[in-house]
All heavy atoms as atom14 arrays in JSON, in Angstrom:
{
  "sequence": "EVVAHEDATGPEDEMALADAVGLALLVVLDTLGPAERVAFVLHDLFAV",
  "atom14_mask": [
    [1, 1, 1, 1, 1, 1, 1, 1, 1, 0, 0, 0, 0, 0],
    [1, 1, 1, 1, 1, 1, 1, 0, 0, 0, 0, 0, 0, 0],
    [1, 1, 1, 1, 1, 1, 1, 0, 0, 0, 0, 0, 0, 0],
    [1, 1, 1, 1, 1, 0, 0, 0, 0, 0, 0, 0, 0, 0],
    [1, 1, 1, 1, 1, 1, 1, 1, 1, 1, 0, 0, 0, 0],
    [1, 1, 1, 1, 1, 1, 1, 1, 1, 0, 0, 0, 0, 0],
    [1, 1, 1, 1, 1, 1, 1, 1, 0, 0, 0, 0, 0, 0],
    [1, 1, 1, 1, 1, 0, 0, 0, 0, 0, 0, 0, 0, 0],
    [1, 1, 1, 1, 1, 1, 1, 0, 0, 0, 0, 0, 0, 0],
    [1, 1, 1, 1, 0, 0, 0, 0, 0, 0, 0, 0, 0, 0],
    [1, 1, 1, 1, 1, 1, 1, 0, 0, 0, 0, 0, 0, 0],
    [1, 1, 1, 1, 1, 1, 1, 1, 1, 0, 0, 0, 0, 0],
    [1, 1, 1, 1, 1, 1, 1, 1, 0, 0, 0, 0, 0, 0],
    [1, 1, 1, 1, 1, 1, 1, 1, 1, 0, 0, 0, 0, 0],
    [1, 1, 1, 1, 1, 1, 1, 1, 0, 0, 0, 0, 0, 0],
    [1, 1, 1, 1, 1, 0, 0, 0, 0, 0, 0, 0, 0, 0],
    [1, 1, 1, 1, 1, 1, 1, 1, 0, 0, 0, 0, 0, 0],
    [1, 1, 1, 1, 1, 0, 0, 0, 0, 0, 0, 0, 0, 0],
    [1, 1, 1, 1, 1, 1, 1, 1, 0, 0, 0, 0, 0, 0],
    [1, 1, 1, 1, 1, 0, 0, 0, 0, 0, 0, 0, 0, 0],
    [1, 1, 1, 1, 1, 1, 1, 0, 0, 0, 0, 0, 0, 0],
    [1, 1, 1, 1, 0, 0, 0, 0, 0, 0, 0, 0, 0, 0],
    [1, 1, 1, 1, 1, 1, 1, 1, 0, 0, 0, 0, 0, 0],
    [1, 1, 1, 1, 1, 0, 0, 0, 0, 0, 0, 0, 0, 0],
    [1, 1, 1, 1, 1, 1, 1, 1, 0, 0, 0, 0, 0, 0],
    [1, 1, 1, 1, 1, 1, 1, 1, 0, 0, 0, 0, 0, 0],
    [1, 1, 1, 1, 1, 1, 1, 0, 0, 0, 0, 0, 0, 0],
    [1, 1, 1, 1, 1, 1, 1, 0, 0, 0, 0, 0, 0, 0],
    [1, 1, 1, 1, 1, 1, 1, 1, 0, 0, 0, 0, 0, 0],
    [1, 1, 1, 1, 1, 1, 1, 1, 0, 0, 0, 0, 0, 0],
    [1, 1, 1, 1, 1, 1, 1, 0, 0, 0, 0, 0, 0, 0],
    [1, 1, 1, 1, 1, 1, 1, 1, 0, 0, 0, 0, 0, 0],
    [1, 1, 1, 1, 0, 0, 0, 0, 0, 0, 0, 0, 0, 0],
    [1, 1, 1, 1, 1, 1, 1, 0, 0, 0, 0, 0, 0, 0],
    [1, 1, 1, 1, 1, 0, 0, 0, 0, 0, 0, 0, 0, 0],
    [1, 1, 1, 1, 1, 1, 1, 1, 1, 0, 0, 0, 0, 0],
    [1, 1, 1, 1, 1, 1, 1, 1, 1, 1, 1, 0, 0, 0],
    [1, 1, 1, 1, 1, 1, 1, 0, 0, 0, 0, 0, 0, 0],
    [1, 1, 1, 1, 1, 0, 0, 0, 0, 0, 0, 0, 0, 0],
    [1, 1, 1, 1, 1, 1, 1, 1, 1, 1, 1, 0, 0, 0],
    [1, 1, 1, 1, 1, 1, 1, 0, 0, 0, 0, 0, 0, 0],
    [1, 1, 1, 1, 1, 1, 1, 1, 0, 0, 0, 0, 0, 0],
    [1, 1, 1, 1, 1, 1, 1, 1, 1, 1, 0, 0, 0, 0],
    [1, 1, 1, 1, 1, 1, 1, 1, 0, 0, 0, 0, 0, 0],
    [1, 1, 1, 1, 1, 1, 1, 1, 0, 0, 0, 0, 0, 0],
    [1, 1, 1, 1, 1, 1, 1, 1, 1, 1, 1, 0, 0, 0],
    [1, 1, 1, 1, 1, 0, 0, 0, 0, 0, 0, 0, 0, 0],
    [1, 1, 1, 1, 1, 1, 1, 0, 0, 0, 0, 0, 0, 0]
  ],
  "atom14_positions": [
    [[0.83, -1.2, 0.0], [0.0, 0.0, 0.0], [0.87, 1.26, 0.0], [0.56, 2.24, -0.67], [-0.92, -0.01, 1.22], [-2.03, -1.04, 1.14], [-2.9, -1.04, 2.38], [-2.72, -0.12, 3.22], [-3.73, -1.94, 2.53], [0.0, 0.0, 0.0], [0.0, 0.0, 0.0], [0.0, 0.0, 0.0], [0.0, 0.0, 0.0], [0.0, 0.0, 0.0]],
    [[1.96, 1.23, 0.77], [2.88, 2.36, 0.8], [3.52, 2.55, -0.57], [3.67, 3.67, -1.05], [3.97, 2.15, 1.87], [5.04, 3.24, 1.76], [3.36, 2.16, 3.26], [0.0, 0.0, 0.0], [0.0, 0.0, 0.0], [0.0, 0.0, 0.0], [0.0, 0.0, 0.0], [0.0, 0.0, 0.0], [0.0, 0.0, 0.0], [0.0, 0.0, 0.0]],
    [[3.89, 1.45, -1.24], [4.47, 1.53, -2.58], [3.52, 2.25, -3.52], [3.91, 3.17, -4.25], [4.79, 0.12, -3.12], [5.15, 0.19, -4.6], [5.95, -0.5, -2.34], [0.0, 0.0, 0.0], [0.0, 0.0, 0.0], [0.0, 0.0, 0.0], [0.0, 0.0, 0.0], [0.0, 0.0, 0.0], [0.0, 0.0, 0.0], [0.0, 0.0, 0.0]],
    [[2.25, 1.84, -3.5], [1.27, 2.45, -4.39], [1.09, 3.92, -4.09], [0.98, 4.76, -4.98], [-0.06, 1.71, -4.27], [0.0, 0.0, 0.0], [0.0, 0.0, 0.0], [0.0, 0.0, 0.0], [0.0, 0.0, 0.0], [0.0, 0.0, 0.0], [0.0, 0.0, 0.0], [0.0, 0.0, 0.0], [0.0, 0.0, 0.0], [0.0, 0.0, 0.0]],
    [[1.07, 4.26, -2.8], [0.88, 5.65, -2.41], [2.08, 6.5, -2.8], [1.94, 7.58, -3.38], [0.66, 5.74, -0.9], [0.66, 7.15, -0.38], [-0.38, 8.02, -0.6], [1.59, 7.84, 0.34], [-0.11, 9.19, -0.03], [1.09, 9.1, 0.54], [0.0, 0.0, 0.0], [0.0, 0.0, 0.0], [0.0, 0.0, 0.0], [0.0, 0.0, 0.0]],
    [[3.29, 6.01, -2.49], [4.5, 6.79, -2.76], [4.72, 6.99, -4.25], [5.24, 8.02, -4.68], [5.72, 6.1, -2.14], [5.69, 6.03, -0.62], [5.91, 7.38, 0.03], [6.32, 8.32, -0.67], [5.66, 7.5, 1.23], [0.0, 0.0, 0.0], [0.0, 0.0, 0.0], [0.0, 0.0, 0.0], [0.0, 0.0, 0.0], [0.0, 0.0, 0.0]],
    [[4.34, 6.0, -5.05], [4.53, 6.13, -6.49], [3.68, 7.26, -7.06], [3.97, 7.78, -8.14], [4.15, 4.82, -7.19], [5.26, 3.77, -7.02], [6.36, 4.16, -6.59], [5.0, 2.6, -7.33], [0.0, 0.0, 0.0], [0.0, 0.0, 0.0], [0.0, 0.0, 0.0], [0.0, 0.0, 0.0], [0.0, 0.0, 0.0], [0.0, 0.0, 0.0]],
    [[2.63, 7.65, -6.34], [1.74, 8.7, -6.85], [2.1, 10.08, -6.32], [1.49, 11.07, -6.67], [0.3, 8.37, -6.45], [0.0, 0.0, 0.0], [0.0, 0.0, 0.0], [0.0, 0.0, 0.0], [0.0, 0.0, 0.0], [0.0, 0.0, 0.0], [0.0, 0.0, 0.0], [0.0, 0.0, 0.0], [0.0, 0.0, 0.0], [0.0, 0.0, 0.0]],
    [[3.11, 10.16, -5.43], [3.46, 11.44, -4.83], [4.6, 12.1, -5.57], [5.27, 11.5, -6.39], [3.84, 11.24, -3.35], [4.94, 10.33, -3.29], [2.67, 10.72, -2.55], [0.0, 0.0, 0.0], [0.0, 0.0, 0.0], [0.0, 0.0, 0.0], [0.0, 0.0, 0.0], [0.0, 0.0, 0.0], [0.0, 0.0, 0.0], [0.0, 0.0, 0.0]],
    [[4.81, 13.38, -5.25], [5.83, 14.17, -5.93], [7.18, 14.08, -5.27], [7.37, 13.34, -4.3], [0.0, 0.0, 0.0], [0.0, 0.0, 0.0], [0.0, 0.0, 0.0], [0.0, 0.0, 0.0], [0.0, 0.0, 0.0], [0.0, 0.0, 0.0], [0.0, 0.0, 0.0], [0.0, 0.0, 0.0], [0.0, 0.0, 0.0], [0.0, 0.0, 0.0]],
    [[8.17, 14.87, -5.77], [9.53, 14.8, -5.27], [9.71, 15.32, -3.86], [10.75, 15.08, -3.24], [10.31, 15.66, -6.28], [9.29, 16.61, -6.81], [8.02, 15.83, -6.85], [0.0, 0.0, 0.0], [0.0, 0.0, 0.0], [0.0, 0.0, 0.0], [0.0, 0.0, 0.0], [0.0, 0.0, 0.0], [0.0, 0.0, 0.0], [0.0, 0.0, 0.0]],
    [[8.72, 16.04, -3.31], [8.85, 16.59, -1.97], [8.21, 15.69, -0.92], [7.95, 16.12, 0.19], [8.22, 17.99, -1.92], [8.9, 19.0, -2.83], [10.36, 19.19, -2.5], [10.7, 19.2, -1.3], [11.16, 19.31, -3.43], [0.0, 0.0, 0.0], [0.0, 0.0, 0.0], [0.0, 0.0, 0.0], [0.0, 0.0, 0.0], [0.0, 0.0, 0.0]],
    [[7.94, 14.44, -1.24], [7.29, 13.55, -0.3], [8.26, 13.12, 0.79], [9.43, 13.44, 0.8], [6.66, 12.34, -1.01], [7.72, 11.47, -1.68], [8.92, 11.7, -1.44], [7.34, 10.58, -2.45], [0.0, 0.0, 0.0], [0.0, 0.0, 0.0], [0.0, 0.0, 0.0], [0.0, 0.0, 0.0], [0.0, 0.0, 0.0], [0.0, 0.0, 0.0]],
    [[7.72, 12.34, 1.74], [8.52, 11.93, 2.89], [9.7, 11.06, 2.5], [10.76, 11.12, 3.11], [7.63, 11.19, 3.89], [8.31, 10.9, 5.2], [7.31, 10.53, 6.29], [6.13, 10.37, 5.98], [7.74, 10.41, 7.44], [0.0, 0.0, 0.0], [0.0, 0.0, 0.0], [0.0, 0.0, 0.0], [0.0, 0.0, 0.0], [0.0, 0.0, 0.0]],
    [[9.54, 10.26, 1.44], [10.64, 9.41, 1.02], [11.82, 10.25, 0.54], [12.98, 9.9, 0.76], [10.18, 8.47, -0.1], [11.15, 7.33, -0.38], [11.4, 6.29, 1.07], [12.86, 5.39, 0.54], [0.0, 0.0, 0.0], [0.0, 0.0, 0.0], [0.0, 0.0, 0.0], [0.0, 0.0, 0.0], [0.0, 0.0, 0.0], [0.0, 0.0, 0.0]],
    [[11.54, 11.38, -0.12], [12.61, 12.27, -0.55], [13.37, 12.82, 0.64], [14.59, 12.94, 0.63], [12.05, 13.4, -1.41], [0.0, 0.0, 0.0], [0.0, 0.0, 0.0], [0.0, 0.0, 0.0], [0.0, 0.0, 0.0], [0.0, 0.0, 0.0], [0.0, 0.0, 0.0], [0.0, 0.0, 0.0], [0.0, 0.0, 0.0], [0.0, 0.0, 0.0]],
    [[12.64, 13.14, 1.71], [13.29, 13.64, 2.91], [14.14, 12.55, 3.56], [15.26, 12.79, 4.01], [12.24, 14.13, 3.9], [11.33, 15.26, 3.42], [10.35, 15.66, 4.52], [12.15, 16.46, 2.97], [0.0, 0.0, 0.0], [0.0, 0.0, 0.0], [0.0, 0.0, 0.0], [0.0, 0.0, 0.0], [0.0, 0.0, 0.0], [0.0, 0.0, 0.0]],
    [[13.6, 11.33, 3.6], [14.35, 10.23, 4.18], [15.62, 9.95, 3.38], [16.68, 9.67, 3.94], [13.48, 8.97, 4.23], [0.0, 0.0, 0.0], [0.0, 0.0, 0.0], [0.0, 0.0, 0.0], [0.0, 0.0, 0.0], [0.0, 0.0, 0.0], [0.0, 0.0, 0.0], [0.0, 0.0, 0.0], [0.0, 0.0, 0.0], [0.0, 0.0, 0.0]],
    [[15.52, 10.04, 2.06], [16.7, 9.85, 1.21], [17.76, 10.9, 1.51], [18.96, 10.61, 1.55], [16.31, 9.92, -0.27], [16.05, 8.55, -0.86], [16.47, 7.56, -0.23], [15.43, 8.47, -1.92], [0.0, 0.0, 0.0], [0.0, 0.0, 0.0], [0.0, 0.0, 0.0], [0.0, 0.0, 0.0], [0.0, 0.0, 0.0], [0.0, 0.0, 0.0]],
    [[17.32, 12.14, 1.71], [18.27, 13.23, 1.93], [19.02, 13.03, 3.24], [20.21, 13.32, 3.34], [17.54, 14.57, 1.92], [0.0, 0.0, 0.0], [0.0, 0.0, 0.0], [0.0, 0.0, 0.0], [0.0, 0.0, 0.0], [0.0, 0.0, 0.0], [0.0, 0.0, 0.0], [0.0, 0.0, 0.0], [0.0, 0.0, 0.0], [0.0, 0.0, 0.0]],
    [[18.33, 12.57, 4.27], [18.98, 12.3, 5.55], [19.84, 11.05, 5.46], [20.93, 10.99, 6.0], [17.92, 12.13, 6.66], [18.57, 11.66, 7.95], [17.2, 13.44, 6.9], [0.0, 0.0, 0.0], [0.0, 0.0, 0.0], [0.0, 0.0, 0.0], [0.0, 0.0, 0.0], [0.0, 0.0, 0.0], [0.0, 0.0, 0.0], [0.0, 0.0, 0.0]],
    [[19.35, 10.06, 4.75], [20.02, 8.77, 4.68], [19.09, 7.71, 5.22], [18.9, 7.6, 6.44], [0.0, 0.0, 0.0], [0.0, 0.0, 0.0], [0.0, 0.0, 0.0], [0.0, 0.0, 0.0], [0.0, 0.0, 0.0], [0.0, 0.0, 0.0], [0.0, 0.0, 0.0], [0.0, 0.0, 0.0], [0.0, 0.0, 0.0], [0.0, 0.0, 0.0]],
    [[18.47, 6.97, 4.32], [17.47, 5.99, 4.73], [18.06, 4.95, 5.66], [17.45, 4.56, 6.66], [16.84, 5.32, 3.5], [15.66, 4.39, 3.77], [14.52, 5.14, 4.42], [15.19, 3.74, 2.47], [0.0, 0.0, 0.0], [0.0, 0.0, 0.0], [0.0, 0.0, 0.0], [0.0, 0.0, 0.0], [0.0, 0.0, 0.0], [0.0, 0.0, 0.0]],
    [[19.29, 4.48, 5.35], [19.93, 3.49, 6.21], [20.16, 4.04, 7.61], [20.0, 3.33, 8.61], [21.25, 3.03, 5.59], [0.0, 0.0, 0.0], [0.0, 0.0, 0.0], [0.0, 0.0, 0.0], [0.0, 0.0, 0.0], [0.0, 0.0, 0.0], [0.0, 0.0, 0.0], [0.0, 0.0, 0.0], [0.0, 0.0, 0.0], [0.0, 0.0, 0.0]],
    [[20.53, 5.33, 7.69], [20.73, 5.94, 9.0], [19.43, 5.95, 9.79], [19.41, 5.63, 10.98], [21.27, 7.36, 8.84], [21.42, 8.16, 10.15], [22.43, 7.47, 11.08], [21.86, 9.58, 9.87], [0.0, 0.0, 0.0], [0.0, 0.0, 0.0], [0.0, 0.0, 0.0], [0.0, 0.0, 0.0], [0.0, 0.0, 0.0], [0.0, 0.0, 0.0]],
    [[18.32, 6.31, 9.15], [17.04, 6.32, 9.84], [16.66, 4.93, 10.33], [16.12, 4.77, 11.43], [15.94, 6.85, 8.91], [15.98, 8.34, 8.58], [14.86, 8.71, 7.62], [15.91, 9.19, 9.84], [0.0, 0.0, 0.0], [0.0, 0.0, 0.0], [0.0, 0.0, 0.0], [0.0, 0.0, 0.0], [0.0, 0.0, 0.0], [0.0, 0.0, 0.0]],
    [[16.96, 3.92, 9.52], [16.67, 2.54, 9.92], [17.45, 2.16, 11.18], [16.91, 1.6, 12.13], [17.01, 1.56, 8.78], [16.99, 0.11, 9.28], [16.03, 1.73, 7.63], [0.0, 0.0, 0.0], [0.0, 0.0, 0.0], [0.0, 0.0, 0.0], [0.0, 0.0, 0.0], [0.0, 0.0, 0.0], [0.0, 0.0, 0.0], [0.0, 0.0, 0.0]],
    [[18.74, 2.5, 11.19], [19.57, 2.16, 12.34], [19.16, 2.97, 13.56], [19.09, 2.44, 14.68], [21.06, 2.36, 12.02], [21.91, 2.04, 13.24], [21.49, 1.48, 10.85], [0.0, 0.0, 0.0], [0.0, 0.0, 0.0], [0.0, 0.0, 0.0], [0.0, 0.0, 0.0], [0.0, 0.0, 0.0], [0.0, 0.0, 0.0], [0.0, 0.0, 0.0]],
    [[18.86, 4.25, 13.36], [18.4, 5.08, 14.48], [17.14, 4.5, 15.11], [16.93, 4.6, 16.32], [18.15, 6.51, 14.02], [19.36, 7.36, 13.68], [18.93, 8.73, 13.17], [20.28, 7.52, 14.88], [0.0, 0.0, 0.0], [0.0, 0.0, 0.0], [0.0, 0.0, 0.0], [0.0, 0.0, 0.0], [0.0, 0.0, 0.0], [0.0, 0.0, 0.0]],
    [[16.3, 3.89, 14.28], [15.05, 3.33, 14.78], [15.27, 2.1, 15.66], [14.36, 1.66, 16.34], [14.12, 2.98, 13.61], [12.66, 3.25, 13.93], [12.38, 4.21, 14.66], [11.8, 2.48, 13.47], [0.0, 0.0, 0.0], [0.0, 0.0, 0.0], [0.0, 0.0, 0.0], [0.0, 0.0, 0.0], [0.0, 0.0, 0.0], [0.0, 0.0, 0.0]],
    [[16.48, 1.53, 15.64], [16.79, 0.38, 16.5], [17.27, 0.84, 17.87], [17.42, 0.01, 18.78], [17.86, -0.52, 15.86], [19.12, 0.17, 15.83], [17.47, -0.93, 14.46], [0.0, 0.0, 0.0], [0.0, 0.0, 0.0], [0.0, 0.0, 0.0], [0.0, 0.0, 0.0], [0.0, 0.0, 0.0], [0.0, 0.0, 0.0], [0.0, 0.0, 0.0]],
    [[17.53, 2.12, 18.04], [18.03, 2.64, 19.31], [16.89, 2.89, 20.28], [15.75, 3.14, 19.88], [18.79, 3.95, 19.09], [19.96, 3.94, 18.11], [20.55, 5.34, 17.99], [21.03, 2.95, 18.56], [0.0, 0.0, 0.0], [0.0, 0.0, 0.0], [0.0, 0.0, 0.0], [0.0, 0.0, 0.0], [0.0, 0.0, 0.0], [0.0, 0.0, 0.0]],
    [[17.2, 2.86, 21.56], [16.23, 3.27, 22.55], [16.02, 4.77, 22.49], [16.87, 5.5, 21.96], [0.0, 0.0, 0.0], [0.0, 0.0, 0.0], [0.0, 0.0, 0.0], [0.0, 0.0, 0.0], [0.0, 0.0, 0.0], [0.0, 0.0, 0.0], [0.0, 0.0, 0.0], [0.0, 0.0, 0.0], [0.0, 0.0, 0.0], [0.0, 0.0, 0.0]],
    [[14.9, 5.29, 23.03], [14.63, 6.73, 22.96], [15.76, 7.6, 23.49], [16.16, 8.58, 22.85], [13.36, 6.88, 23.81], [12.67, 5.56, 23.66], [13.78, 4.54, 23.64], [0.0, 0.0, 0.0], [0.0, 0.0, 0.0], [0.0, 0.0, 0.0], [0.0, 0.0, 0.0], [0.0, 0.0, 0.0], [0.0, 0.0, 0.0], [0.0, 0.0, 0.0]],
    [[16.3, 7.27, 24.65], [17.36, 8.09, 25.24], [18.64, 8.03, 24.4], [19.31, 9.05, 24.2], [17.65, 7.64, 26.67], [0.0, 0.0, 0.0], [0.0, 0.0, 0.0], [0.0, 0.0, 0.0], [0.0, 0.0, 0.0], [0.0, 0.0, 0.0], [0.0, 0.0, 0.0], [0.0, 0.0, 0.0], [0.0, 0.0, 0.0], [0.0, 0.0, 0.0]],
    [[18.97, 6.84, 23.89], [20.15, 6.71, 23.03], [19.99, 7.54, 21.77], [20.93, 8.22, 21.33], [20.36, 5.24, 22.65], [20.86, 4.36, 23.76], [21.02, 2.91, 23.3], [20.3, 2.51, 22.37], [21.86, 2.2, 23.87], [0.0, 0.0, 0.0], [0.0, 0.0, 0.0], [0.0, 0.0, 0.0], [0.0, 0.0, 0.0], [0.0, 0.0, 0.0]],
    [[18.82, 7.48, 21.18], [18.6, 8.21, 19.92], [18.69, 9.72, 20.14], [19.32, 10.42, 19.35], [17.23, 7.84, 19.35], [16.96, 8.44, 17.97], [15.77, 7.77, 17.31], [15.57, 8.26, 15.94], [14.76, 7.7, 15.06], [14.07, 6.62, 15.4], [14.64, 8.19, 13.84], [0.0, 0.0, 0.0], [0.0, 0.0, 0.0], [0.0, 0.0, 0.0]],
    [[18.09, 10.21, 21.21], [18.16, 11.64, 21.5], [19.6, 12.07, 21.74], [20.06, 13.09, 21.21], [17.27, 11.97, 22.72], [17.54, 13.39, 23.21], [15.79, 11.82, 22.36], [0.0, 0.0, 0.0], [0.0, 0.0, 0.0], [0.0, 0.0, 0.0], [0.0, 0.0, 0.0], [0.0, 0.0, 0.0], [0.0, 0.0, 0.0], [0.0, 0.0, 0.0]],
    [[20.33, 11.31, 22.54], [21.71, 11.66, 22.85], [22.58, 11.66, 21.6], [23.37, 12.59, 21.37], [22.28, 10.69, 23.89], [0.0, 0.0, 0.0], [0.0, 0.0, 0.0], [0.0, 0.0, 0.0], [0.0, 0.0, 0.0], [0.0, 0.0, 0.0], [0.0, 0.0, 0.0], [0.0, 0.0, 0.0], [0.0, 0.0, 0.0], [0.0, 0.0, 0.0]],
    [[22.41, 10.65, 20.75], [23.23, 10.56, 19.53], [22.9, 11.67, 18.55], [23.8, 12.34, 18.02], [23.03, 9.2, 18.87], [23.76, 9.06, 17.55], [25.11, 8.75, 17.52], [23.1, 9.27, 16.34], [25.79, 8.65, 16.32], [23.78, 9.17, 15.14], [25.13, 8.85, 15.13], [0.0, 0.0, 0.0], [0.0, 0.0, 0.0], [0.0, 0.0, 0.0]],
    [[21.62, 11.86, 18.27], [21.23, 12.87, 17.29], [21.67, 14.26, 17.74], [22.26, 15.02, 16.97], [19.71, 12.83, 17.04], [19.27, 14.05, 16.22], [19.33, 11.55, 16.3], [0.0, 0.0, 0.0], [0.0, 0.0, 0.0], [0.0, 0.0, 0.0], [0.0, 0.0, 0.0], [0.0, 0.0, 0.0], [0.0, 0.0, 0.0], [0.0, 0.0, 0.0]],
    [[21.38, 14.61, 18.99], [21.71, 15.95, 19.46], [23.22, 16.18, 19.5], [23.7, 17.24, 19.09], [21.1, 16.2, 20.83], [19.58, 16.38, 20.87], [19.11, 16.63, 22.3], [19.13, 17.51, 19.96], [0.0, 0.0, 0.0], [0.0, 0.0, 0.0], [0.0, 0.0, 0.0], [0.0, 0.0, 0.0], [0.0, 0.0, 0.0], [0.0, 0.0, 0.0]],
    [[23.98, 15.2, 19.99], [25.42, 15.43, 20.11], [26.16, 15.2, 18.81], [26.91, 16.06, 18.34], [26.02, 14.54, 21.2], [27.49, 14.79, 21.38], [28.46, 14.05, 20.71], [28.16, 15.71, 22.11], [29.65, 14.52, 21.04], [29.51, 15.52, 21.89], [0.0, 0.0, 0.0], [0.0, 0.0, 0.0], [0.0, 0.0, 0.0], [0.0, 0.0, 0.0]],
    [[25.98, 14.03, 18.2], [26.8, 13.67, 17.04], [26.37, 14.38, 15.76], [27.2, 14.64, 14.9], [26.76, 12.16, 16.81], [27.64, 11.42, 17.81], [27.56, 11.73, 19.01], [28.4, 10.54, 17.4], [0.0, 0.0, 0.0], [0.0, 0.0, 0.0], [0.0, 0.0, 0.0], [0.0, 0.0, 0.0], [0.0, 0.0, 0.0], [0.0, 0.0, 0.0]],
    [[25.1, 14.69, 15.62], [24.62, 15.34, 14.41], [24.45, 16.85, 14.56], [24.49, 17.57, 13.56], [23.3, 14.71, 13.95], [23.33, 13.2, 13.69], [22.0, 12.74, 13.1], [24.48, 12.8, 12.79], [0.0, 0.0, 0.0], [0.0, 0.0, 0.0], [0.0, 0.0, 0.0], [0.0, 0.0, 0.0], [0.0, 0.0, 0.0], [0.0, 0.0, 0.0]],
    [[24.24, 17.33, 15.81], [24.03, 18.76, 16.0], [24.92, 19.36, 17.09], [24.78, 20.53, 17.42], [22.56, 19.04, 16.31], [21.65, 18.76, 15.14], [21.04, 17.53, 14.99], [21.44, 19.73, 14.17], [20.22, 17.26, 13.9], [20.63, 19.46, 13.07], [20.02, 18.23, 12.93], [0.0, 0.0, 0.0], [0.0, 0.0, 0.0], [0.0, 0.0, 0.0]],
    [[25.82, 18.56, 17.65], [26.83, 19.02, 18.61], [26.25, 19.78, 19.79], [26.85, 20.75, 20.27], [27.88, 19.87, 17.9], [0.0, 0.0, 0.0], [0.0, 0.0, 0.0], [0.0, 0.0, 0.0], [0.0, 0.0, 0.0], [0.0, 0.0, 0.0], [0.0, 0.0, 0.0], [0.0, 0.0, 0.0], [0.0, 0.0, 0.0], [0.0, 0.0, 0.0]],
    [[25.12, 19.36, 20.29], [24.58, 19.91, 21.53], [25.44, 19.37, 22.67], [25.7, 18.17, 22.74], [23.1, 19.52, 21.72], [22.58, 20.0, 23.07], [22.26, 20.09, 20.58], [0.0, 0.0, 0.0], [0.0, 0.0, 0.0], [0.0, 0.0, 0.0], [0.0, 0.0, 0.0], [0.0, 0.0, 0.0], [0.0, 0.0, 0.0], [0.0, 0.0, 0.0]]
  ]
}
């Protein structure tokens, strides 16, 4: 169903955003616990 929906959307859809960030990175981030993900994203990607 997602395939059918995404095929009908334009270049600014969510998949385009995921590609720009890095789909593999999003997949791996999704395996982290909430606290791990927040700590990694804020520090390693935004240097908080």
